[in-house]
PDB file of N, CA and C in Angstrom:
ATOM      1  N   MET A   1     146.674 141.199  64.159  1.00  0.00           N
ATOM      2  CA  MET A   1     146.852 139.775  64.327  1.00  0.00           C
ATOM      3  C   MET A   1     147.599 139.504  65.629  1.00  0.00           C
ATOM      4  N   THR A   2     147.097 138.582  66.414  1.00  0.00           N
ATOM      5  CA  THR A   2     147.734 138.200  67.664  1.00  0.00           C
ATOM      6  C   THR A   2     148.829 137.184  67.382  1.00  0.00           C
ATOM      7  N   ILE A   3     149.985 137.383  67.983  1.00  0.00           N
ATOM      8  CA  ILE A   3     151.095 136.449  67.817  1.00  0.00           C
ATOM      9  C   ILE A   3     150.850 135.241  68.707  1.00  0.00           C
ATOM     10  N   LYS A   4     150.936 134.061  68.122  1.00  0.00           N
ATOM     11  CA  LYS A   4     150.775 132.808  68.866  1.00  0.00           C
ATOM     12  C   LYS A   4     152.149 132.219  69.121  1.00  0.00           C
ATOM     13  N   ARG A   5     152.352 131.732  70.312  1.00  0.00           N
ATOM     14  CA  ARG A   5     153.624 131.097  70.664  1.00  0.00           C
ATOM     15  C   ARG A   5     153.396 129.610  70.819  1.00  0.00           C
ATOM     16  N   ILE A   6     154.284 128.825  70.259  1.00  0.00           N
ATOM     17  CA  ILE A   6     154.219 127.370  70.368  1.00  0.00           C
ATOM     18  C   ILE A   6     155.272 126.935  71.376  1.00  0.00           C
ATOM     19  N   ILE A   7     154.860 126.057  72.287  1.00  0.00           N
ATOM     20  CA  ILE A   7     155.794 125.541  73.277  1.00  0.00           C
ATOM     21  C   ILE A   7     155.889 124.029  73.141  1.00  0.00           C
ATOM     22  N   ARG A   8     157.022 123.505  73.504  1.00  0.00           N
ATOM     23  CA  ARG A   8     157.285 122.074  73.384  1.00  0.00           C
ATOM     24  C   ARG A   8     156.694 121.324  74.579  1.00  0.00           C
ATOM     25  N   PRO A   9     156.486 120.010  74.428  1.00  0.00           N
ATOM     26  CA  PRO A   9     155.882 119.216  75.510  1.00  0.00           C
ATOM     27  C   PRO A   9     156.595 119.339  76.849  1.00  0.00           C
ATOM     28  N   GLU A  10     157.918 119.455  76.839  1.00  0.00           N
ATOM     29  CA  GLU A  10     158.656 119.575  78.103  1.00  0.00           C
ATOM     30  C   GLU A  10     158.216 120.806  78.892  1.00  0.00           C
ATOM     31  N   GLU A  11     158.008 121.914  78.181  1.00  0.00           N
ATOM     32  CA  GLU A  11     157.579 123.140  78.849  1.00  0.00           C
ATOM     33  C   GLU A  11     156.140 123.011  79.347  1.00  0.00           C
ATOM     34  N   VAL A  12     155.291 122.341  78.555  1.00  0.00           N
ATOM     35  CA  VAL A  12     153.907 122.112  78.981  1.00  0.00           C
ATOM     36  C   VAL A  12     153.892 121.309  80.272  1.00  0.00           C
ATOM     37  N   CYS A  13     154.687 120.250  80.334  1.00  0.00           N
ATOM     38  CA  CYS A  13     154.740 119.424  81.541  1.00  0.00           C
ATOM     39  C   CYS A  13     155.205 120.230  82.748  1.00  0.00           C
ATOM     40  N   ALA A  14     156.185 121.086  82.541  1.00  0.00           N
ATOM     41  CA  ALA A  14     156.669 121.924  83.642  1.00  0.00           C
ATOM     42  C   ALA A  14     155.589 122.898  84.098  1.00  0.00           C
ATOM     43  N   MET A  15     154.857 123.467  83.163  1.00  0.00           N
ATOM     44  CA  MET A  15     153.802 124.425  83.505  1.00  0.00           C
ATOM     45  C   MET A  15     152.653 123.758  84.245  1.00  0.00           C
ATOM     46  N   ALA A  16     152.244 122.584  83.764  1.00  0.00           N
ATOM     47  CA  ALA A  16     151.059 121.921  84.310  1.00  0.00           C
ATOM     48  C   ALA A  16     151.385 120.991  85.472  1.00  0.00           C
ATOM     49  N   GLY A  17     152.635 120.618  85.598  1.00  0.00           N
ATOM     50  CA  GLY A  17     153.034 119.793  86.740  1.00  0.00           C
ATOM     51  C   GLY A  17     152.748 118.317  86.578  1.00  0.00           C
ATOM     52  N   PHE A  18     152.758 117.819  85.370  1.00  0.00           N
ATOM     53  CA  PHE A  18     152.588 116.375  85.204  1.00  0.00           C
ATOM     54  C   PHE A  18     153.543 115.814  84.153  1.00  0.00           C
ATOM     55  N   SER A  19     153.592 114.474  84.067  1.00  0.00           N
ATOM     56  CA  SER A  19     154.518 113.799  83.176  1.00  0.00           C
ATOM     57  C   SER A  19     154.052 113.873  81.724  1.00  0.00           C
ATOM     58  N   ARG A  20     154.951 113.527  80.832  1.00  0.00           N
ATOM     59  CA  ARG A  20     154.603 113.507  79.423  1.00  0.00           C
ATOM     60  C   ARG A  20     153.537 112.441  79.144  1.00  0.00           C
ATOM     61  N   ALA A  21     153.610 111.311  79.843  1.00  0.00           N
ATOM     62  CA  ALA A  21     152.599 110.256  79.666  1.00  0.00           C
ATOM     63  C   ALA A  21     151.217 110.781  80.051  1.00  0.00           C
ATOM     64  N   THR A  22     151.137 111.510  81.148  1.00  0.00           N
ATOM     65  CA  THR A  22     149.862 112.090  81.572  1.00  0.00           C
ATOM     66  C   THR A  22     149.388 113.127  80.566  1.00  0.00           C
ATOM     67  N   LEU A  23     150.306 113.927  80.061  1.00  0.00           N
ATOM     68  CA  LEU A  23     149.977 114.921  79.044  1.00  0.00           C
ATOM     69  C   LEU A  23     149.316 114.250  77.845  1.00  0.00           C
ATOM     70  N   TYR A  24     149.954 113.214  77.317  1.00  0.00           N
ATOM     71  CA  TYR A  24     149.422 112.534  76.136  1.00  0.00           C
ATOM     72  C   TYR A  24     148.112 111.803  76.432  1.00  0.00           C
ATOM     73  N   ARG A  25     147.983 111.252  77.639  1.00  0.00           N
ATOM     74  CA  ARG A  25     146.740 110.565  78.013  1.00  0.00           C
ATOM     75  C   ARG A  25     145.572 111.558  78.086  1.00  0.00           C
ATOM     76  N   LEU A  26     145.787 112.702  78.729  1.00  0.00           N
ATOM     77  CA  LEU A  26     144.734 113.714  78.818  1.00  0.00           C
ATOM     78  C   LEU A  26     144.357 114.233  77.431  1.00  0.00           C
ATOM     79  N   GLU A  27     145.348 114.411  76.583  1.00  0.00           N
ATOM     80  CA  GLU A  27     145.083 114.863  75.217  1.00  0.00           C
ATOM     81  C   GLU A  27     144.248 113.827  74.461  1.00  0.00           C
ATOM     82  N   ALA A  28     144.607 112.549  74.583  1.00  0.00           N
ATOM     83  CA  ALA A  28     143.872 111.480  73.902  1.00  0.00           C
ATOM     84  C   ALA A  28     142.425 111.388  74.390  1.00  0.00           C
ATOM     85  N   GLN A  29     142.210 111.723  75.659  1.00  0.00           N
ATOM     86  CA  GLN A  29     140.864 111.702  76.241  1.00  0.00           C
ATOM     87  C   GLN A  29     140.071 112.960  75.910  1.00  0.00           C
ATOM     88  N   GLY A  30     140.689 113.906  75.231  1.00  0.00           N
ATOM     89  CA  GLY A  30     140.024 115.164  74.903  1.00  0.00           C
ATOM     90  C   GLY A  30     139.941 116.112  76.082  1.00  0.00           C
ATOM     91  N   ARG A  31     140.786 115.902  77.086  1.00  0.00           N
ATOM     92  CA  ARG A  31     140.755 116.713  78.298  1.00  0.00           C
ATOM     93  C   ARG A  31     141.905 117.712  78.369  1.00  0.00           C
ATOM     94  N   PHE A  32     142.652 117.829  77.256  1.00  0.00           N
ATOM     95  CA  PHE A  32     143.762 118.766  77.174  1.00  0.00           C
ATOM     96  C   PHE A  32     143.872 119.213  75.727  1.00  0.00           C
ATOM     97  N   PRO A  33     144.317 120.443  75.477  1.00  0.00           N
ATOM     98  CA  PRO A  33     144.431 120.924  74.094  1.00  0.00           C
ATOM     99  C   PRO A  33     145.306 119.999  73.236  1.00  0.00           C
ATOM    100  N   SER A  34     144.969 119.882  71.973  1.00  0.00           N
ATOM    101  CA  SER A  34     145.714 119.035  71.053  1.00  0.00           C
ATOM    102  C   SER A  34     147.023 119.686  70.634  1.00  0.00           C
ATOM    103  N   ARG A  35     148.020 118.852  70.445  1.00  0.00           N
ATOM    104  CA  ARG A  35     149.307 119.349  69.962  1.00  0.00           C
ATOM    105  C   ARG A  35     149.230 119.599  68.462  1.00  0.00           C
ATOM    106  N   ILE A  36     150.183 120.345  67.973  1.00  0.00           N
ATOM    107  CA  ILE A  36     150.262 120.616  66.543  1.00  0.00           C
ATOM    108  C   ILE A  36     151.631 120.178  66.042  1.00  0.00           C
ATOM    109  N   LYS A  37     151.667 119.784  64.797  1.00  0.00           N
ATOM    110  CA  LYS A  37     152.917 119.359  64.184  1.00  0.00           C
ATOM    111  C   LYS A  37     153.696 120.605  63.769  1.00  0.00           C
ATOM    112  N   ILE A  38     154.964 120.683  64.209  1.00  0.00           N
ATOM    113  CA  ILE A  38     155.783 121.846  63.882  1.00  0.00           C
ATOM    114  C   ILE A  38     157.013 121.466  63.063  1.00  0.00           C
ATOM    115  N   GLY A  39     157.163 120.194  62.798  1.00  0.00           N
ATOM    116  CA  GLY A  39     158.287 119.714  62.006  1.00  0.00           C
ATOM    117  C   GLY A  39     158.095 118.245  61.700  1.00  0.00           C
ATOM    118  N   ALA A  40     159.055 117.673  60.996  1.00  0.00           N
ATOM    119  CA  ALA A  40     158.951 116.269  60.613  1.00  0.00           C
ATOM    120  C   ALA A  40     158.812 115.354  61.831  1.00  0.00           C
ATOM    121  N   HIS A  41     159.526 115.673  62.896  1.00  0.00           N
ATOM    122  CA  HIS A  41     159.492 114.831  64.099  1.00  0.00           C
ATOM    123  C   HIS A  41     159.277 115.654  65.363  1.00  0.00           C
ATOM    124  N   ALA A  42     158.588 116.769  65.226  1.00  0.00           N
ATOM    125  CA  ALA A  42     158.407 117.661  66.369  1.00  0.00           C
ATOM    126  C   ALA A  42     156.960 118.117  66.476  1.00  0.00           C
ATOM    127  N   THR A  43     156.497 118.196  67.716  1.00  0.00           N
ATOM    128  CA  THR A  43     155.165 118.715  67.983  1.00  0.00           C
ATOM    129  C   THR A  43     155.268 119.783  69.063  1.00  0.00           C
ATOM    130  N   GLY A  44     154.229 120.568  69.165  1.00  0.00           N
ATOM    131  CA  GLY A  44     154.174 121.600  70.182  1.00  0.00           C
ATOM    132  C   GLY A  44     152.728 121.922  70.512  1.00  0.00           C
ATOM    133  N   TYR A  45     152.554 122.812  71.452  1.00  0.00           N
ATOM    134  CA  TYR A  45     151.238 123.228  71.907  1.00  0.00           C
ATOM    135  C   TYR A  45     151.161 124.748  71.829  1.00  0.00           C
ATOM    136  N   VAL A  46     149.984 125.252  71.568  1.00  0.00           N
ATOM    137  CA  VAL A  46     149.778 126.696  71.546  1.00  0.00           C
ATOM    138  C   VAL A  46     149.739 127.170  72.997  1.00  0.00           C
ATOM    139  N   LEU A  47     150.648 128.055  73.341  1.00  0.00           N
ATOM    140  CA  LEU A  47     150.780 128.532  74.716  1.00  0.00           C
ATOM    141  C   LEU A  47     149.464 129.070  75.259  1.00  0.00           C
ATOM    142  N   ALA A  48     148.751 129.866  74.483  1.00  0.00           N
ATOM    143  CA  ALA A  48     147.492 130.454  74.951  1.00  0.00           C
ATOM    144  C   ALA A  48     146.474 129.373  75.314  1.00  0.00           C
ATOM    145  N   GLU A  49     146.455 128.277  74.561  1.00  0.00           N
ATOM    146  CA  GLU A  49     145.515 127.190  74.859  1.00  0.00           C
ATOM    147  C   GLU A  49     145.894 126.482  76.157  1.00  0.00           C
ATOM    148  N   VAL A  50     147.180 126.287  76.382  1.00  0.00           N
ATOM    149  CA  VAL A  50     147.635 125.656  77.624  1.00  0.00           C
ATOM    150  C   VAL A  50     147.328 126.564  78.815  1.00  0.00           C
ATOM    151  N   GLU A  51     147.597 127.858  78.660  1.00  0.00           N
ATOM    152  CA  GLU A  51     147.289 128.796  79.741  1.00  0.00           C
ATOM    153  C   GLU A  51     145.798 128.834  80.033  1.00  0.00           C
ATOM    154  N   GLU A  52     144.969 128.771  79.004  1.00  0.00           N
ATOM    155  CA  GLU A  52     143.519 128.746  79.200  1.00  0.00           C
ATOM    156  C   GLU A  52     143.106 127.491  79.948  1.00  0.00           C
ATOM    157  N   TRP A  53     143.692 126.347  79.606  1.00  0.00           N
ATOM    158  CA  TRP A  53     143.386 125.090  80.288  1.00  0.00           C
ATOM    159  C   TRP A  53     143.722 125.209  81.774  1.00  0.00           C
ATOM    160  N   ILE A  54     144.876 125.792  82.091  1.00  0.00           N
ATOM    161  CA  ILE A  54     145.273 125.981  83.488  1.00  0.00           C
ATOM    162  C   ILE A  54     144.293 126.907  84.203  1.00  0.00           C
ATOM    163  N   GLU A  55     143.907 128.003  83.553  1.00  0.00           N
ATOM    164  CA  GLU A  55     142.934 128.935  84.147  1.00  0.00           C
ATOM    165  C   GLU A  55     141.601 128.248  84.421  1.00  0.00           C
ATOM    166  N   GLU A  56     141.189 127.355  83.524  1.00  0.00           N
ATOM    167  CA  GLU A  56     139.934 126.616  83.737  1.00  0.00           C
ATOM    168  C   GLU A  56     140.037 125.713  84.956  1.00  0.00           C
ATOM    169  N   ARG A  57     141.185 125.081  85.179  1.00  0.00           N
ATOM    170  CA  ARG A  57     141.370 124.230  86.360  1.00  0.00           C
ATOM    171  C   ARG A  57     141.274 125.068  87.629  1.00  0.00           C
ATOM    172  N   ILE A  58     141.859 126.267  87.589  1.00  0.00           N
ATOM    173  CA  ILE A  58     141.792 127.163  88.747  1.00  0.00           C
ATOM    174  C   ILE A  58     140.346 127.592  88.996  1.00  0.00           C
ATOM    175  N   ALA A  59     139.623 127.925  87.934  1.00  0.00           N
ATOM    176  CA  ALA A  59     138.215 128.332  88.072  1.00  0.00           C
ATOM    177  C   ALA A  59     137.379 127.184  88.628  1.00  0.00           C
ATOM    178  N   ASP A  60     137.637 125.956  88.174  1.00  0.00           N
ATOM    179  CA  ASP A  60     136.913 124.789  88.694  1.00  0.00           C
ATOM    180  C   ASP A  60     137.171 124.626  90.189  1.00  0.00           C
ATOM    181  N   ARG A  61     138.424 124.778  90.582  1.00  0.00           N
ATOM    182  CA  ARG A  61     138.767 124.663  92.006  1.00  0.00           C
ATOM    183  C   ARG A  61     138.039 125.721  92.822  1.00  0.00           C
ATOM    184  N   ASN A  62     138.039 126.952  92.332  1.00  0.00           N
ATOM    185  CA  ASN A  62     137.400 128.041  93.059  1.00  0.00           C
ATOM    186  C   ASN A  62     135.896 127.831  93.151  1.00  0.00           C
ATOM    187  N   ALA A  63     135.296 127.306  92.074  1.00  0.00           N
ATOM    188  CA  ALA A  63     133.855 127.037  92.094  1.00  0.00           C
ATOM    189  C   ALA A  63     133.539 125.952  93.108  1.00  0.00           C
ATOM    190  N   ASP A  64     134.393 124.936  93.199  1.00  0.00           N
ATOM    191  CA  ASP A  64     134.188 123.848  94.176  1.00  0.00           C
ATOM    192  C   ASP A  64     134.268 124.390  95.596  1.00  0.00           C
ATOM    193  N   ARG A  65     135.189 125.302  95.833  1.00  0.00           N
ATOM    194  CA  ARG A  65     135.329 125.877  97.182  1.00  0.00           C
ATOM    195  C   ARG A  65     134.112 126.703  97.562  1.00  0.00           C
ATOM    196  N   ARG A  66     133.561 127.430  96.586  1.00  0.00           N
ATOM    197  CA  ARG A  66     132.370 128.257  96.859  1.00  0.00           C
ATOM    198  C   ARG A  66     131.139 127.390  97.122  1.00  0.00           C
ATOM    199  N   ALA A  67     131.091 126.214  96.501  1.00  0.00           N
ATOM    200  CA  ALA A  67     129.938 125.331  96.635  1.00  0.00           C
ATOM    201  C   ALA A  67     129.905 124.647  98.006  1.00  0.00           C
ATOM    202  N   GLN A  68     131.038 124.632  98.697  1.00  0.00           N
ATOM    203  CA  GLN A  68     131.088 123.946  99.989  1.00  0.00           C
ATOM    204  C   GLN A  68     130.547 124.768 101.104  1.00  0.00           C
TER     205      GLN A  68
END
């Protein structure tokens, strides 16, 4: 079994380089992984999913550069 790590929104924002409002907007648009409930008033994100999202952005950038 692979261990999954949950990270809080503040860490996601630091990793991805955008505000919490942008984080929630992208999530609502289906353009970012969904958060999960980890407590009565707490949510988090699966680290592997956030890292995959970042890798996809890098791959998109690289594909755009190759197409030029």
